[in-house]
Amino acid sequence: MASSRIDELLAGSPSAAHFRELLCELDRLPAGELPTQLARAEAGLASWPDDTRCAGDEIVSGELVPGAMFKPSAVLVRKLEFEPSHGGCTPAFVLEIASAREFARLTILSLFAEDIDCQGAAAIVNSPTLAKLRDLRLGQRIADAGFRAIASSPYLLELESLQLSGTLDDDETAKLLADSPHMAKLVHFQWDGSLGDEGLRALGMSRWLRPAIRAEFLSCLDAERSL
């Protein structure tokens, strides 16, 4: 029976594979049993690391398009990441993610795909629903407007890891990021896009970023000068 397998999975070793199997078992349950089993699953998953509670396509009913419905089991997900086989998800679908109540306890969001544009980035970082995010990965079509939205967001107060990719045409945008209090909690900041000397210098001298992160940007600046 599905319920017995759910018990086995919850009692077993935490892993992303076991979590995805758990979601499949929950999908098989009659609608009347689902609320009780979801509550039991939530309690059983409490000690699992957030990165093992990872899903993407599995919690979407149908295609990754605007108006798509998220399955009830989406409330169990703590890391949302879509398979690279379809290049992520459409820009319009990103807006659905930003407003979905099912993701109010999401802590890791990885949308590192070509489909994430400035509008999508702004929707994500300005969503009060996603205020618990600790790890955010966005790219690759983000430009200045998207990065400015990240710098000025009022909701990224728990952010510890930030991975960005995109193109900056204005070093002033990098300065805005360097001056953003959201940078204070970061223990990991990876930039895979373009930055000019002024942008590298601004991040390297940021009063908010940790010394180790600042040193990485200053090292990149030194490398640029030596070319």
C-alpha atoms as a PDB file:
ATOM      1  CA  MET A   1       0.000   0.000   0.000  1.00  0.00           C
ATOM      2  CA  ALA A   2       1.098   3.569  -0.644  1.00  0.00           C
ATOM      3  CA  SER A   3       0.847   4.556   3.029  1.00  0.00           C
ATOM      4  CA  SER A   4       3.210   1.781   4.143  1.00  0.00           C
ATOM      5  CA  ARG A   5       5.790   2.797   1.549  1.00  0.00           C
ATOM      6  CA  ILE A   6       5.458   6.407   2.737  1.00  0.00           C
ATOM      7  CA  ASP A   7       6.284   5.249   6.265  1.00  0.00           C
ATOM      8  CA  GLU A   8       9.341   3.383   4.976  1.00  0.00           C
ATOM      9  CA  LEU A   9      10.599   6.404   3.080  1.00  0.00           C
ATOM     10  CA  LEU A  10      10.142   8.743   6.027  1.00  0.00           C
ATOM     11  CA  ALA A  11      12.012   6.319   8.269  1.00  0.00           C
ATOM     12  CA  GLY A  12      14.840   5.861   5.785  1.00  0.00           C
ATOM     13  CA  SER A  13      17.894   7.917   4.935  1.00  0.00           C
ATOM     14  CA  PRO A  14      17.192  11.445   3.665  1.00  0.00           C
ATOM     15  CA  SER A  15      17.947  11.837  -0.031  1.00  0.00           C
ATOM     16  CA  ALA A  16      16.566  13.697  -3.025  1.00  0.00           C
ATOM     17  CA  ALA A  17      15.729  10.371  -4.677  1.00  0.00           C
ATOM     18  CA  HIS A  18      13.717   9.207  -1.656  1.00  0.00           C
ATOM     19  CA  PHE A  19      11.941  12.546  -1.501  1.00  0.00           C
ATOM     20  CA  ARG A  20      10.886  12.314  -5.133  1.00  0.00           C
ATOM     21  CA  GLU A  21       9.636   8.782  -4.542  1.00  0.00           C
ATOM     22  CA  LEU A  22       7.675  10.078  -1.575  1.00  0.00           C
ATOM     23  CA  LEU A  23       6.000  12.653  -3.821  1.00  0.00           C
ATOM     24  CA  CYS A  24       5.050   9.883  -6.249  1.00  0.00           C
ATOM     25  CA  GLU A  25       3.508   7.842  -3.437  1.00  0.00           C
ATOM     26  CA  LEU A  26       1.502  10.843  -2.285  1.00  0.00           C
ATOM     27  CA  ASP A  27       0.227  11.308  -5.835  1.00  0.00           C
ATOM     28  CA  ARG A  28      -1.260   7.806  -5.706  1.00  0.00           C
ATOM     29  CA  LEU A  29      -3.346   8.464  -2.610  1.00  0.00           C
ATOM     30  CA  PRO A  30      -7.108   9.046  -2.758  1.00  0.00           C
ATOM     31  CA  ALA A  31      -7.966  12.711  -2.294  1.00  0.00           C
ATOM     32  CA  GLY A  32      -9.586  12.014   1.064  1.00  0.00           C
ATOM     33  CA  GLU A  33      -6.398  10.542   2.530  1.00  0.00           C
ATOM     34  CA  LEU A  34      -4.022  13.197   1.232  1.00  0.00           C
ATOM     35  CA  PRO A  35      -4.376  15.903   3.935  1.00  0.00           C
ATOM     36  CA  THR A  36      -3.612  13.451   6.730  1.00  0.00           C
ATOM     37  CA  GLN A  37      -0.666  11.929   4.875  1.00  0.00           C
ATOM     38  CA  LEU A  38       0.721  15.362   4.000  1.00  0.00           C
ATOM     39  CA  ALA A  39       0.679  16.319   7.672  1.00  0.00           C
ATOM     40  CA  ARG A  40       2.453  13.072   8.587  1.00  0.00           C
ATOM     41  CA  ALA A  41       4.996  13.602   5.829  1.00  0.00           C
ATOM     42  CA  GLU A  42       5.684  17.163   6.971  1.00  0.00           C
ATOM     43  CA  ALA A  43       6.391  15.932  10.498  1.00  0.00           C
ATOM     44  CA  GLY A  44       8.555  13.067   9.254  1.00  0.00           C
ATOM     45  CA  LEU A  45      10.576  15.338   6.977  1.00  0.00           C
ATOM     46  CA  ALA A  46      11.315  17.920   9.666  1.00  0.00           C
ATOM     47  CA  SER A  47      14.866  16.644  10.215  1.00  0.00           C
ATOM     48  CA  TRP A  48      15.708  16.233   6.522  1.00  0.00           C
ATOM     49  CA  PRO A  49      18.200  18.729   5.052  1.00  0.00           C
ATOM     50  CA  ASP A  50      16.446  21.238   2.823  1.00  0.00           C
ATOM     51  CA  ASP A  51      18.505  20.317  -0.242  1.00  0.00           C
ATOM     52  CA  THR A  52      17.165  16.743  -0.084  1.00  0.00           C
ATOM     53  CA  ARG A  53      13.589  18.026  -0.250  1.00  0.00           C
ATOM     54  CA  CYS A  54      14.118  18.953  -3.882  1.00  0.00           C
ATOM     55  CA  ALA A  55      11.602  18.838  -6.723  1.00  0.00           C
ATOM     56  CA  GLY A  56      10.546  20.650  -9.866  1.00  0.00           C
ATOM     57  CA  ASP A  57       8.431  19.093 -12.582  1.00  0.00           C
ATOM     58  CA  GLU A  58       7.106  16.533 -10.087  1.00  0.00           C
ATOM     59  CA  ILE A  59       4.921  19.041  -8.265  1.00  0.00           C
ATOM     60  CA  VAL A  60       3.382  20.678 -11.360  1.00  0.00           C
ATOM     61  CA  SER A  61       0.091  19.474 -12.791  1.00  0.00           C
ATOM     62  CA  GLY A  62       0.603  19.550 -16.555  1.00  0.00           C
ATOM     63  CA  GLU A  63       2.910  21.767 -18.595  1.00  0.00           C
ATOM     64  CA  LEU A  64       5.159  24.517 -17.233  1.00  0.00           C
ATOM     65  CA  VAL A  65       2.938  27.303 -18.527  1.00  0.00           C
ATOM     66  CA  PRO A  66       1.021  30.233 -17.027  1.00  0.00           C
ATOM     67  CA  GLY A  67      -1.997  29.036 -15.084  1.00  0.00           C
ATOM     68  CA  ALA A  68      -0.415  25.687 -14.237  1.00  0.00           C
ATOM     69  CA  MET A  69      -1.544  24.201 -10.946  1.00  0.00           C
ATOM     70  CA  PHE A  70       0.869  23.021  -8.274  1.00  0.00           C
ATOM     71  CA  LYS A  71       0.110  19.734  -6.582  1.00  0.00           C
ATOM     72  CA  PRO A  72      -0.746  19.740  -2.856  1.00  0.00           C
ATOM     73  CA  SER A  73       2.568  17.968  -2.197  1.00  0.00           C
ATOM     74  CA  ALA A  74       4.392  21.142  -3.302  1.00  0.00           C
ATOM     75  CA  VAL A  75       4.131  22.388   0.293  1.00  0.00           C
ATOM     76  CA  LEU A  76       6.734  19.763   1.260  1.00  0.00           C
ATOM     77  CA  VAL A  77       9.362  21.123  -1.136  1.00  0.00           C
ATOM     78  CA  ARG A  78      12.209  23.216   0.247  1.00  0.00           C
ATOM     79  CA  LYS A  79      14.383  23.292  -2.884  1.00  0.00           C
ATOM     80  CA  LEU A  80      12.781  24.102  -6.225  1.00  0.00           C
ATOM     81  CA  GLU A  81      14.791  23.247  -9.322  1.00  0.00           C
ATOM     82  CA  PHE A  82      13.682  22.225 -12.796  1.00  0.00           C
ATOM     83  CA  GLU A  83      15.362  19.681 -15.023  1.00  0.00           C
ATOM     84  CA  PRO A  84      17.798  21.209 -17.539  1.00  0.00           C
ATOM     85  CA  SER A  85      16.418  19.001 -20.319  1.00  0.00           C
ATOM     86  CA  HIS A  86      13.793  21.625 -21.176  1.00  0.00           C
ATOM     87  CA  GLY A  87      15.927  24.662 -20.342  1.00  0.00           C
ATOM     88  CA  GLY A  88      14.122  25.494 -17.117  1.00  0.00           C
ATOM     89  CA  CYS A  89      10.685  27.084 -17.367  1.00  0.00           C
ATOM     90  CA  THR A  90       9.055  29.903 -19.283  1.00  0.00           C
ATOM     91  CA  PRO A  91       9.393  33.506 -18.068  1.00  0.00           C
ATOM     92  CA  ALA A  92       5.631  33.682 -17.505  1.00  0.00           C
ATOM     93  CA  PHE A  93       5.725  30.519 -15.383  1.00  0.00           C
ATOM     94  CA  VAL A  94       8.319  32.158 -13.134  1.00  0.00           C
ATOM     95  CA  LEU A  95       5.653  34.702 -12.194  1.00  0.00           C
ATOM     96  CA  GLU A  96       3.425  31.798 -11.107  1.00  0.00           C
ATOM     97  CA  ILE A  97       6.188  30.509  -8.855  1.00  0.00           C
ATOM     98  CA  ALA A  98       6.671  33.918  -7.264  1.00  0.00           C
ATOM     99  CA  SER A  99       3.047  34.119  -6.138  1.00  0.00           C
ATOM    100  CA  ALA A 100       2.380  30.470  -5.270  1.00  0.00           C
ATOM    101  CA  ARG A 101       1.425  30.031  -1.611  1.00  0.00           C
ATOM    102  CA  GLU A 102       2.721  26.460  -1.764  1.00  0.00           C
ATOM    103  CA  PHE A 103       6.280  27.826  -1.715  1.00  0.00           C
ATOM    104  CA  ALA A 104       5.978  29.962   1.407  1.00  0.00           C
ATOM    105  CA  ARG A 105       8.543  27.724   3.168  1.00  0.00           C
ATOM    106  CA  LEU A 106      10.928  27.390   0.239  1.00  0.00           C
ATOM    107  CA  THR A 107      14.550  28.033   1.205  1.00  0.00           C
ATOM    108  CA  ILE A 108      16.434  27.161  -2.013  1.00  0.00           C
ATOM    109  CA  LEU A 109      15.421  28.367  -5.476  1.00  0.00           C
ATOM    110  CA  SER A 110      17.522  27.428  -8.480  1.00  0.00           C
ATOM    111  CA  LEU A 111      16.295  28.963 -11.738  1.00  0.00           C
ATOM    112  CA  PHE A 112      19.658  29.099 -13.429  1.00  0.00           C
ATOM    113  CA  ALA A 113      18.305  28.922 -16.964  1.00  0.00           C
ATOM    114  CA  GLU A 114      18.040  31.074 -20.054  1.00  0.00           C
ATOM    115  CA  ASP A 115      14.340  31.627 -19.415  1.00  0.00           C
ATOM    116  CA  ILE A 116      14.834  33.853 -16.374  1.00  0.00           C
ATOM    117  CA  ASP A 117      14.681  37.466 -17.480  1.00  0.00           C
ATOM    118  CA  CYS A 118      14.621  40.763 -15.585  1.00  0.00           C
ATOM    119  CA  GLN A 119      10.871  40.614 -15.010  1.00  0.00           C
ATOM    120  CA  GLY A 120      11.147  37.112 -13.580  1.00  0.00           C
ATOM    121  CA  ALA A 121      14.036  38.064 -11.326  1.00  0.00           C
ATOM    122  CA  ALA A 122      12.098  41.077 -10.033  1.00  0.00           C
ATOM    123  CA  ALA A 123       9.029  38.936  -9.354  1.00  0.00           C
ATOM    124  CA  ILE A 124      11.080  36.415  -7.389  1.00  0.00           C
ATOM    125  CA  VAL A 125      12.982  38.869  -5.208  1.00  0.00           C
ATOM    126  CA  ASN A 126       9.945  41.097  -4.568  1.00  0.00           C
ATOM    127  CA  SER A 127       7.705  38.231  -3.509  1.00  0.00           C
ATOM    128  CA  PRO A 128       6.770  38.217   0.196  1.00  0.00           C
ATOM    129  CA  THR A 129       5.847  34.566  -0.285  1.00  0.00           C
ATOM    130  CA  LEU A 130       9.504  33.699  -0.961  1.00  0.00           C
ATOM    131  CA  ALA A 131      10.893  35.695   1.960  1.00  0.00           C
ATOM    132  CA  LYS A 132      12.423  32.581   3.562  1.00  0.00           C
ATOM    133  CA  LEU A 133      14.882  32.019   0.708  1.00  0.00           C
ATOM    134  CA  ARG A 134      18.417  31.370   1.924  1.00  0.00           C
ATOM    135  CA  ASP A 135      19.905  30.221  -1.384  1.00  0.00           C
ATOM    136  CA  LEU A 136      19.031  31.932  -4.685  1.00  0.00           C
ATOM    137  CA  ARG A 137      20.441  31.076  -8.117  1.00  0.00           C
ATOM    138  CA  LEU A 138      19.313  33.122 -11.112  1.00  0.00           C
ATOM    139  CA  GLY A 139      20.488  33.588 -14.710  1.00  0.00           C
ATOM    140  CA  GLN A 140      21.248  33.952 -17.591  1.00  0.00           C
ATOM    141  CA  ARG A 141      19.212  36.665 -19.323  1.00  0.00           C
ATOM    142  CA  ILE A 142      19.245  39.049 -16.389  1.00  0.00           C
ATOM    143  CA  ALA A 143      20.476  42.558 -17.120  1.00  0.00           C
ATOM    144  CA  ASP A 144      20.717  45.773 -15.103  1.00  0.00           C
ATOM    145  CA  ALA A 145      17.006  46.006 -14.248  1.00  0.00           C
ATOM    146  CA  GLY A 146      17.014  42.521 -12.738  1.00  0.00           C
ATOM    147  CA  PHE A 147      20.140  43.151 -10.697  1.00  0.00           C
ATOM    148  CA  ARG A 148      18.752  46.439  -9.423  1.00  0.00           C
ATOM    149  CA  ALA A 149      15.639  44.593  -8.277  1.00  0.00           C
ATOM    150  CA  ILE A 150      17.823  42.183  -6.305  1.00  0.00           C
ATOM    151  CA  ALA A 151      19.702  45.057  -4.700  1.00  0.00           C
ATOM    152  CA  SER A 152      16.538  46.879  -3.602  1.00  0.00           C
ATOM    153  CA  SER A 153      14.328  43.943  -2.619  1.00  0.00           C
ATOM    154  CA  PRO A 154      12.780  44.267   0.862  1.00  0.00           C
ATOM    155  CA  TYR A 155      12.404  40.494   1.243  1.00  0.00           C
ATOM    156  CA  LEU A 156      15.857  38.893   0.912  1.00  0.00           C
ATOM    157  CA  LEU A 157      16.614  39.191   4.612  1.00  0.00           C
ATOM    158  CA  GLU A 158      17.575  35.528   5.096  1.00  0.00           C
ATOM    159  CA  LEU A 159      19.786  35.187   2.023  1.00  0.00           C
ATOM    160  CA  GLU A 160      23.070  33.324   2.654  1.00  0.00           C
ATOM    161  CA  SER A 161      24.019  32.195  -0.851  1.00  0.00           C
ATOM    162  CA  LEU A 162      23.581  34.090  -4.109  1.00  0.00           C
ATOM    163  CA  GLN A 163      24.592  32.863  -7.564  1.00  0.00           C
ATOM    164  CA  LEU A 164      23.993  35.219 -10.475  1.00  0.00           C
ATOM    165  CA  SER A 165      24.626  35.176 -14.177  1.00  0.00           C
ATOM    166  CA  GLY A 166      23.891  37.910 -16.687  1.00  0.00           C
ATOM    167  CA  THR A 167      25.181  41.066 -18.281  1.00  0.00           C
ATOM    168  CA  LEU A 168      25.786  44.417 -16.621  1.00  0.00           C
ATOM    169  CA  ASP A 169      26.003  47.433 -18.891  1.00  0.00           C
ATOM    170  CA  ASP A 170      26.227  49.912 -16.040  1.00  0.00           C
ATOM    171  CA  ASP A 171      28.773  49.684 -13.232  1.00  0.00           C
ATOM    172  CA  GLU A 172      26.356  51.730 -11.107  1.00  0.00           C
ATOM    173  CA  THR A 173      24.217  48.599 -10.840  1.00  0.00           C
ATOM    174  CA  ALA A 174      27.119  46.698  -9.288  1.00  0.00           C
ATOM    175  CA  LYS A 175      27.559  49.588  -6.868  1.00  0.00           C
ATOM    176  CA  LEU A 176      23.904  49.252  -5.850  1.00  0.00           C
ATOM    177  CA  LEU A 177      24.473  45.569  -5.128  1.00  0.00           C
ATOM    178  CA  ALA A 178      27.609  46.395  -3.155  1.00  0.00           C
ATOM    179  CA  ASP A 179      25.630  48.878  -1.049  1.00  0.00           C
ATOM    180  CA  SER A 180      22.706  46.515  -0.435  1.00  0.00           C
ATOM    181  CA  PRO A 181      22.249  45.263   3.157  1.00  0.00           C
ATOM    182  CA  HIS A 182      21.093  41.947   1.654  1.00  0.00           C
ATOM    183  CA  MET A 183      24.755  41.184   1.080  1.00  0.00           C
ATOM    184  CA  ALA A 184      25.523  41.150   4.805  1.00  0.00           C
ATOM    185  CA  LYS A 185      24.503  37.537   5.488  1.00  0.00           C
ATOM    186  CA  LEU A 186      26.069  36.077   2.366  1.00  0.00           C
ATOM    187  CA  VAL A 187      28.620  33.342   2.922  1.00  0.00           C
ATOM    188  CA  HIS A 188      28.672  32.492  -0.795  1.00  0.00           C
ATOM    189  CA  PHE A 189      28.400  34.931  -3.688  1.00  0.00           C
ATOM    190  CA  GLN A 190      29.144  33.693  -7.187  1.00  0.00           C
ATOM    191  CA  TRP A 191      28.970  35.918 -10.235  1.00  0.00           C
ATOM    192  CA  ASP A 192      29.122  34.241 -13.645  1.00  0.00           C
ATOM    193  CA  GLY A 193      28.366  37.310 -15.745  1.00  0.00           C
ATOM    194  CA  SER A 194      30.285  40.336 -16.939  1.00  0.00           C
ATOM    195  CA  LEU A 195      31.597  43.060 -14.647  1.00  0.00           C
ATOM    196  CA  GLY A 196      33.675  46.121 -15.438  1.00  0.00           C
ATOM    197  CA  ASP A 197      36.539  47.408 -13.316  1.00  0.00           C
ATOM    198  CA  GLU A 198      34.318  49.834 -11.424  1.00  0.00           C
ATOM    199  CA  GLY A 199      31.826  47.088 -10.639  1.00  0.00           C
ATOM    200  CA  LEU A 200      34.538  44.735  -9.424  1.00  0.00           C
ATOM    201  CA  ARG A 201      36.031  47.506  -7.303  1.00  0.00           C
ATOM    202  CA  ALA A 202      32.639  48.398  -5.795  1.00  0.00           C
ATOM    203  CA  LEU A 203      31.933  44.806  -4.766  1.00  0.00           C
ATOM    204  CA  GLY A 204      35.497  44.365  -3.588  1.00  0.00           C
ATOM    205  CA  MET A 205      35.150  47.383  -1.311  1.00  0.00           C
ATOM    206  CA  SER A 206      31.574  46.714  -0.159  1.00  0.00           C
ATOM    207  CA  ARG A 207      30.918  47.466   3.508  1.00  0.00           C
ATOM    208  CA  TRP A 208      28.372  44.630   3.616  1.00  0.00           C
ATOM    209  CA  LEU A 209      30.150  41.704   1.966  1.00  0.00           C
ATOM    210  CA  ARG A 210      32.361  39.435   4.051  1.00  0.00           C
ATOM    211  CA  PRO A 211      36.131  39.860   3.656  1.00  0.00           C
ATOM    212  CA  ALA A 212      36.572  36.532   1.855  1.00  0.00           C
ATOM    213  CA  ILE A 213      33.963  37.458  -0.759  1.00  0.00           C
ATOM    214  CA  ARG A 214      35.365  40.958  -1.210  1.00  0.00           C
ATOM    215  CA  ALA A 215      38.796  39.447  -1.749  1.00  0.00           C
ATOM    216  CA  GLU A 216      37.482  37.358  -4.641  1.00  0.00           C
ATOM    217  CA  PHE A 217      36.243  40.431  -6.494  1.00  0.00           C
ATOM    218  CA  LEU A 218      39.471  42.323  -5.827  1.00  0.00           C
ATOM    219  CA  SER A 219      41.404  39.328  -7.106  1.00  0.00           C
ATOM    220  CA  CYS A 220      39.346  39.426 -10.320  1.00  0.00           C
ATOM    221  CA  LEU A 221      40.111  43.130 -10.612  1.00  0.00           C
ATOM    222  CA  ASP A 222      43.837  42.461 -10.278  1.00  0.00           C
ATOM    223  CA  ALA A 223      43.591  39.731 -12.897  1.00  0.00           C
ATOM    224  CA  GLU A 224      41.865  42.131 -15.307  1.00  0.00           C
ATOM    225  CA  ARG A 225      44.611  44.698 -14.818  1.00  0.00           C
ATOM    226  CA  SER A 226      47.351  42.170 -15.539  1.00  0.00           C
ATOM    227  CA  LEU A 227      45.922  41.293 -18.946  1.00  0.00           C
END
